[in-house]
Amino acid sequence: MKSDDRVHELILELKHVRWDVVLVRETWRPNANEMLSTEDGHIFVGRGFSDGSRGVGILVHARWAKRVKKTIPINERLLAVDVDVGLVKARFVSVYFPHAGYSDEQIHEMYTALTQLKQDADKHKRTCCIGGDFNAEVGVQTKTDDPCAIGVYGVPRTNARDSGSKAGSQWRDW
């Protein structure tokens, strides 16, 4: 999604399905903060990085565009948009977690920022919808795993981003 043409390609691909909001990761856009309106009236909100790496975005359908109340660009890995639809107040969050090569401190910073967004949504009585690439290595299915949650063709290694890890422990009560 490095260029505006890619955003338009995504919209063309969505023409044959009913959609409201699309959460995107790895946009690879260089703009720190952006909001563009398409010719169809859809809104793309993005948070990129100066070297064109990483990036998150949220595409809002034209029917909800005038109901976007607030954009919350945290960094090139975390972005939220508040949309009011009738009596429903929603917060859509797009998150792109650092991979396992990053330090626990950097992972913890992401969990903290995501937790703050969720708590703020709760405080303002907003339903929070989080979509992301959490970059967790979950391994391959074992006999005790739910086959709907993990498949048999995963990478054999795992990382510690689960509810028992130091970085993931604050998510246990969600």
C-alpha atoms as a PDB file:
ATOM      1  CA  MET A   1       0.000   0.000   0.000  1.00  0.00           C
ATOM      2  CA  LYS A   2       3.023   2.198  -0.481  1.00  0.00           C
ATOM      3  CA  SER A   3       1.226   4.463  -2.947  1.00  0.00           C
ATOM      4  CA  ASP A   4      -2.254   5.976  -3.210  1.00  0.00           C
ATOM      5  CA  ASP A   5      -2.804   3.721  -6.233  1.00  0.00           C
ATOM      6  CA  ARG A   6      -2.564   0.710  -3.895  1.00  0.00           C
ATOM      7  CA  VAL A   7      -5.279   2.184  -1.663  1.00  0.00           C
ATOM      8  CA  HIS A   8      -7.474   2.525  -4.741  1.00  0.00           C
ATOM      9  CA  GLU A   9      -6.662  -1.079  -5.739  1.00  0.00           C
ATOM     10  CA  LEU A  10      -7.827  -2.240  -2.313  1.00  0.00           C
ATOM     11  CA  ILE A  11     -11.080  -0.327  -2.745  1.00  0.00           C
ATOM     12  CA  LEU A  12     -11.589  -1.917  -6.177  1.00  0.00           C
ATOM     13  CA  GLU A  13     -11.087  -5.372  -4.643  1.00  0.00           C
ATOM     14  CA  LEU A  14     -13.739  -4.531  -2.028  1.00  0.00           C
ATOM     15  CA  LYS A  15     -16.353  -3.453  -4.611  1.00  0.00           C
ATOM     16  CA  HIS A  16     -17.998  -6.875  -4.632  1.00  0.00           C
ATOM     17  CA  VAL A  17     -18.294  -7.325  -0.873  1.00  0.00           C
ATOM     18  CA  ARG A  18     -20.138  -5.399   1.812  1.00  0.00           C
ATOM     19  CA  TRP A  19     -17.627  -3.742   4.098  1.00  0.00           C
ATOM     20  CA  ASP A  20     -17.599  -0.939   6.631  1.00  0.00           C
ATOM     21  CA  VAL A  21     -14.083  -0.641   8.046  1.00  0.00           C
ATOM     22  CA  VAL A  22     -10.850  -2.343   6.965  1.00  0.00           C
ATOM     23  CA  LEU A  23      -7.872  -2.498   9.338  1.00  0.00           C
ATOM     24  CA  VAL A  24      -4.520  -2.689   7.531  1.00  0.00           C
ATOM     25  CA  ARG A  25      -0.984  -3.464   8.682  1.00  0.00           C
ATOM     26  CA  GLU A  26       2.363  -3.216   6.938  1.00  0.00           C
ATOM     27  CA  THR A  27       1.243  -0.329   4.766  1.00  0.00           C
ATOM     28  CA  TRP A  28       4.853   0.711   4.082  1.00  0.00           C
ATOM     29  CA  ARG A  29       3.792   4.331   3.663  1.00  0.00           C
ATOM     30  CA  PRO A  30       6.303   7.124   4.451  1.00  0.00           C
ATOM     31  CA  ASN A  31       3.787   9.675   5.785  1.00  0.00           C
ATOM     32  CA  ALA A  32       3.818  10.050   9.557  1.00  0.00           C
ATOM     33  CA  ASN A  33       0.124  10.985   9.634  1.00  0.00           C
ATOM     34  CA  GLU A  34      -2.260  11.067   6.728  1.00  0.00           C
ATOM     35  CA  MET A  35      -5.925  11.203   5.928  1.00  0.00           C
ATOM     36  CA  LEU A  36      -7.044  10.957   2.360  1.00  0.00           C
ATOM     37  CA  SER A  37     -10.488  10.928   0.889  1.00  0.00           C
ATOM     38  CA  THR A  38     -11.089   8.850  -2.227  1.00  0.00           C
ATOM     39  CA  GLU A  39     -13.231   9.845  -5.189  1.00  0.00           C
ATOM     40  CA  ASP A  40     -15.914   7.465  -3.841  1.00  0.00           C
ATOM     41  CA  GLY A  41     -15.917   9.307  -0.493  1.00  0.00           C
ATOM     42  CA  HIS A  42     -14.098   6.613   1.499  1.00  0.00           C
ATOM     43  CA  ILE A  43     -11.512   7.771   4.032  1.00  0.00           C
ATOM     44  CA  PHE A  44      -8.075   6.248   4.494  1.00  0.00           C
ATOM     45  CA  VAL A  45      -6.307   7.173   7.734  1.00  0.00           C
ATOM     46  CA  GLY A  46      -2.678   6.124   7.970  1.00  0.00           C
ATOM     47  CA  ARG A  47       0.317   6.274  10.231  1.00  0.00           C
ATOM     48  CA  GLY A  48       3.578   5.471   8.486  1.00  0.00           C
ATOM     49  CA  PHE A  49       7.299   5.796   9.030  1.00  0.00           C
ATOM     50  CA  SER A  50       9.772   8.121   7.316  1.00  0.00           C
ATOM     51  CA  ASP A  51      11.766   5.338   5.649  1.00  0.00           C
ATOM     52  CA  GLY A  52       8.596   3.718   4.261  1.00  0.00           C
ATOM     53  CA  SER A  53       8.733   0.691   6.544  1.00  0.00           C
ATOM     54  CA  ARG A  54       6.074  -0.617   8.937  1.00  0.00           C
ATOM     55  CA  GLY A  55       2.853   1.414   8.971  1.00  0.00           C
ATOM     56  CA  VAL A  56      -0.799   0.906   9.842  1.00  0.00           C
ATOM     57  CA  GLY A  57      -3.992   2.158   8.250  1.00  0.00           C
ATOM     58  CA  ILE A  58      -7.748   2.189   8.590  1.00  0.00           C
ATOM     59  CA  LEU A  59     -10.093   2.443   5.625  1.00  0.00           C
ATOM     60  CA  VAL A  60     -13.598   3.724   6.455  1.00  0.00           C
ATOM     61  CA  HIS A  61     -16.463   3.267   3.985  1.00  0.00           C
ATOM     62  CA  ALA A  62     -18.068   6.429   2.567  1.00  0.00           C
ATOM     63  CA  ARG A  63     -21.365   5.702   4.352  1.00  0.00           C
ATOM     64  CA  TRP A  64     -19.561   6.206   7.697  1.00  0.00           C
ATOM     65  CA  ALA A  65     -17.046   8.882   6.621  1.00  0.00           C
ATOM     66  CA  LYS A  66     -19.003  11.785   8.098  1.00  0.00           C
ATOM     67  CA  ARG A  67     -19.290   9.891  11.364  1.00  0.00           C
ATOM     68  CA  VAL A  68     -15.555   9.681  11.997  1.00  0.00           C
ATOM     69  CA  LYS A  69     -15.165  11.588  15.243  1.00  0.00           C
ATOM     70  CA  LYS A  70     -11.491  11.280  15.998  1.00  0.00           C
ATOM     71  CA  THR A  71      -8.276   9.753  14.723  1.00  0.00           C
ATOM     72  CA  ILE A  72      -5.647   8.669  17.234  1.00  0.00           C
ATOM     73  CA  PRO A  73      -2.263   8.090  15.569  1.00  0.00           C
ATOM     74  CA  ILE A  74       0.049   6.679  18.258  1.00  0.00           C
ATOM     75  CA  ASN A  75       3.020   5.577  16.146  1.00  0.00           C
ATOM     76  CA  GLU A  76       3.829   3.704  12.940  1.00  0.00           C
ATOM     77  CA  ARG A  77       2.585   0.507  14.584  1.00  0.00           C
ATOM     78  CA  LEU A  78      -0.606   1.682  16.308  1.00  0.00           C
ATOM     79  CA  LEU A  79      -3.555   3.742  15.078  1.00  0.00           C
ATOM     80  CA  ALA A  80      -7.164   4.162  16.187  1.00  0.00           C
ATOM     81  CA  VAL A  81     -10.259   5.786  14.695  1.00  0.00           C
ATOM     82  CA  ASP A  82     -13.466   6.596  16.581  1.00  0.00           C
ATOM     83  CA  VAL A  83     -16.668   6.271  14.545  1.00  0.00           C
ATOM     84  CA  ASP A  84     -20.217   6.936  15.771  1.00  0.00           C
ATOM     85  CA  VAL A  85     -22.941   4.975  14.032  1.00  0.00           C
ATOM     86  CA  GLY A  86     -26.315   5.836  15.520  1.00  0.00           C
ATOM     87  CA  LEU A  87     -26.243   4.758  19.145  1.00  0.00           C
ATOM     88  CA  VAL A  88     -23.118   2.654  18.643  1.00  0.00           C
ATOM     89  CA  LYS A  89     -19.863   4.368  19.497  1.00  0.00           C
ATOM     90  CA  ALA A  90     -16.931   2.354  18.169  1.00  0.00           C
ATOM     91  CA  ARG A  91     -13.157   2.540  18.298  1.00  0.00           C
ATOM     92  CA  PHE A  92     -11.298   0.661  15.578  1.00  0.00           C
ATOM     93  CA  VAL A  93      -7.649  -0.096  16.311  1.00  0.00           C
ATOM     94  CA  SER A  94      -5.039  -1.310  13.828  1.00  0.00           C
ATOM     95  CA  VAL A  95      -1.868  -2.672  15.427  1.00  0.00           C
ATOM     96  CA  TYR A  96       1.329  -4.106  13.963  1.00  0.00           C
ATOM     97  CA  PHE A  97       3.448  -5.591  16.751  1.00  0.00           C
ATOM     98  CA  PRO A  98       7.228  -5.783  16.533  1.00  0.00           C
ATOM     99  CA  HIS A  99       8.512  -9.287  15.711  1.00  0.00           C
ATOM    100  CA  ALA A 100      10.281 -11.611  18.131  1.00  0.00           C
ATOM    101  CA  GLY A 101      13.650  -9.996  17.402  1.00  0.00           C
ATOM    102  CA  TYR A 102      12.641  -6.845  19.306  1.00  0.00           C
ATOM    103  CA  SER A 103      13.295  -6.453  23.029  1.00  0.00           C
ATOM    104  CA  ASP A 104      10.739  -7.280  25.717  1.00  0.00           C
ATOM    105  CA  GLU A 105      10.762  -3.576  26.616  1.00  0.00           C
ATOM    106  CA  GLN A 106       9.626  -2.602  23.112  1.00  0.00           C
ATOM    107  CA  ILE A 107       6.916  -5.257  23.197  1.00  0.00           C
ATOM    108  CA  HIS A 108       5.815  -4.063  26.645  1.00  0.00           C
ATOM    109  CA  GLU A 109       5.563  -0.484  25.301  1.00  0.00           C
ATOM    110  CA  MET A 110       3.163  -1.716  22.613  1.00  0.00           C
ATOM    111  CA  TYR A 111       1.029  -3.601  25.151  1.00  0.00           C
ATOM    112  CA  THR A 112       0.948  -0.490  27.346  1.00  0.00           C
ATOM    113  CA  ALA A 113      -0.116   1.801  24.488  1.00  0.00           C
ATOM    114  CA  LEU A 114      -2.757  -0.700  23.320  1.00  0.00           C
ATOM    115  CA  THR A 115      -4.045  -1.077  26.884  1.00  0.00           C
ATOM    116  CA  GLN A 116      -4.350   2.703  27.210  1.00  0.00           C
ATOM    117  CA  LEU A 117      -6.350   2.897  23.965  1.00  0.00           C
ATOM    118  CA  LYS A 118      -8.672   0.136  25.208  1.00  0.00           C
ATOM    119  CA  GLN A 119      -9.101   1.745  28.653  1.00  0.00           C
ATOM    120  CA  ASP A 120      -9.847   5.118  27.057  1.00  0.00           C
ATOM    121  CA  ALA A 121     -12.440   3.457  24.802  1.00  0.00           C
ATOM    122  CA  ASP A 122     -14.037   1.838  27.863  1.00  0.00           C
ATOM    123  CA  LYS A 123     -14.033   5.170  29.718  1.00  0.00           C
ATOM    124  CA  HIS A 124     -15.889   6.817  26.822  1.00  0.00           C
ATOM    125  CA  LYS A 125     -18.247   3.834  26.441  1.00  0.00           C
ATOM    126  CA  ARG A 126     -16.871   2.890  23.040  1.00  0.00           C
ATOM    127  CA  THR A 127     -16.918  -0.643  21.707  1.00  0.00           C
ATOM    128  CA  CYS A 128     -13.316  -1.460  20.865  1.00  0.00           C
ATOM    129  CA  CYS A 129     -12.465  -3.577  17.803  1.00  0.00           C
ATOM    130  CA  ILE A 130      -8.776  -4.494  17.554  1.00  0.00           C
ATOM    131  CA  GLY A 131      -7.246  -6.020  14.454  1.00  0.00           C
ATOM    132  CA  GLY A 132      -3.596  -6.682  14.127  1.00  0.00           C
ATOM    133  CA  ASP A 133      -0.527  -8.585  13.208  1.00  0.00           C
ATOM    134  CA  PHE A 134       0.713  -9.615  16.640  1.00  0.00           C
ATOM    135  CA  ASN A 135       3.824 -11.321  15.245  1.00  0.00           C
ATOM    136  CA  ALA A 136       3.521 -14.215  17.680  1.00  0.00           C
ATOM    137  CA  GLU A 137       5.139 -17.527  16.835  1.00  0.00           C
ATOM    138  CA  VAL A 138       2.601 -20.071  18.066  1.00  0.00           C
ATOM    139  CA  GLY A 139       4.209 -23.268  16.790  1.00  0.00           C
ATOM    140  CA  VAL A 140       2.331 -26.227  15.357  1.00  0.00           C
ATOM    141  CA  GLN A 141      -0.834 -27.909  16.543  1.00  0.00           C
ATOM    142  CA  THR A 142      -0.538 -30.407  19.390  1.00  0.00           C
ATOM    143  CA  LYS A 143      -3.096 -32.970  20.552  1.00  0.00           C
ATOM    144  CA  THR A 144      -4.512 -30.553  23.139  1.00  0.00           C
ATOM    145  CA  ASP A 145      -4.872 -27.553  20.776  1.00  0.00           C
ATOM    146  CA  ASP A 146      -8.158 -26.468  19.250  1.00  0.00           C
ATOM    147  CA  PRO A 147      -7.818 -27.150  15.492  1.00  0.00           C
ATOM    148  CA  CYS A 148      -9.840 -23.998  14.803  1.00  0.00           C
ATOM    149  CA  ALA A 149      -7.177 -21.929  16.587  1.00  0.00           C
ATOM    150  CA  ILE A 150      -3.939 -23.388  15.270  1.00  0.00           C
ATOM    151  CA  GLY A 151      -3.158 -25.469  12.220  1.00  0.00           C
ATOM    152  CA  VAL A 152      -0.777 -28.331  11.567  1.00  0.00           C
ATOM    153  CA  TYR A 153       1.522 -26.419   9.189  1.00  0.00           C
ATOM    154  CA  GLY A 154       2.973 -23.787  11.534  1.00  0.00           C
ATOM    155  CA  VAL A 155       6.638 -23.083  12.224  1.00  0.00           C
ATOM    156  CA  PRO A 156       7.824 -25.396  15.029  1.00  0.00           C
ATOM    157  CA  ARG A 157       9.308 -22.643  17.192  1.00  0.00           C
ATOM    158  CA  THR A 158       7.278 -20.413  19.520  1.00  0.00           C
ATOM    159  CA  ASN A 159       7.910 -17.154  21.320  1.00  0.00           C
ATOM    160  CA  ALA A 160       6.815 -15.995  24.754  1.00  0.00           C
ATOM    161  CA  ARG A 161       3.992 -13.674  23.702  1.00  0.00           C
ATOM    162  CA  ASP A 162       1.254 -15.476  25.534  1.00  0.00           C
ATOM    163  CA  SER A 163      -0.647 -14.709  28.720  1.00  0.00           C
ATOM    164  CA  GLY A 164       2.082 -16.369  30.792  1.00  0.00           C
ATOM    165  CA  SER A 165       4.922 -14.191  29.533  1.00  0.00           C
ATOM    166  CA  LYS A 166       6.139 -11.018  31.179  1.00  0.00           C
ATOM    167  CA  ALA A 167       5.228  -8.980  28.089  1.00  0.00           C
ATOM    168  CA  GLY A 168       1.808 -10.609  27.685  1.00  0.00           C
ATOM    169  CA  SER A 169       0.736 -10.952  31.315  1.00  0.00           C
ATOM    170  CA  GLN A 170      -1.193  -7.680  31.459  1.00  0.00           C
ATOM    171  CA  TRP A 171      -3.642  -9.042  28.847  1.00  0.00           C
ATOM    172  CA  ARG A 172      -4.790 -11.952  31.023  1.00  0.00           C
ATOM    173  CA  ASP A 173      -7.865 -10.136  32.335  1.00  0.00           C
ATOM    174  CA  TRP A 174      -9.156  -8.944  28.975  1.00  0.00           C
END
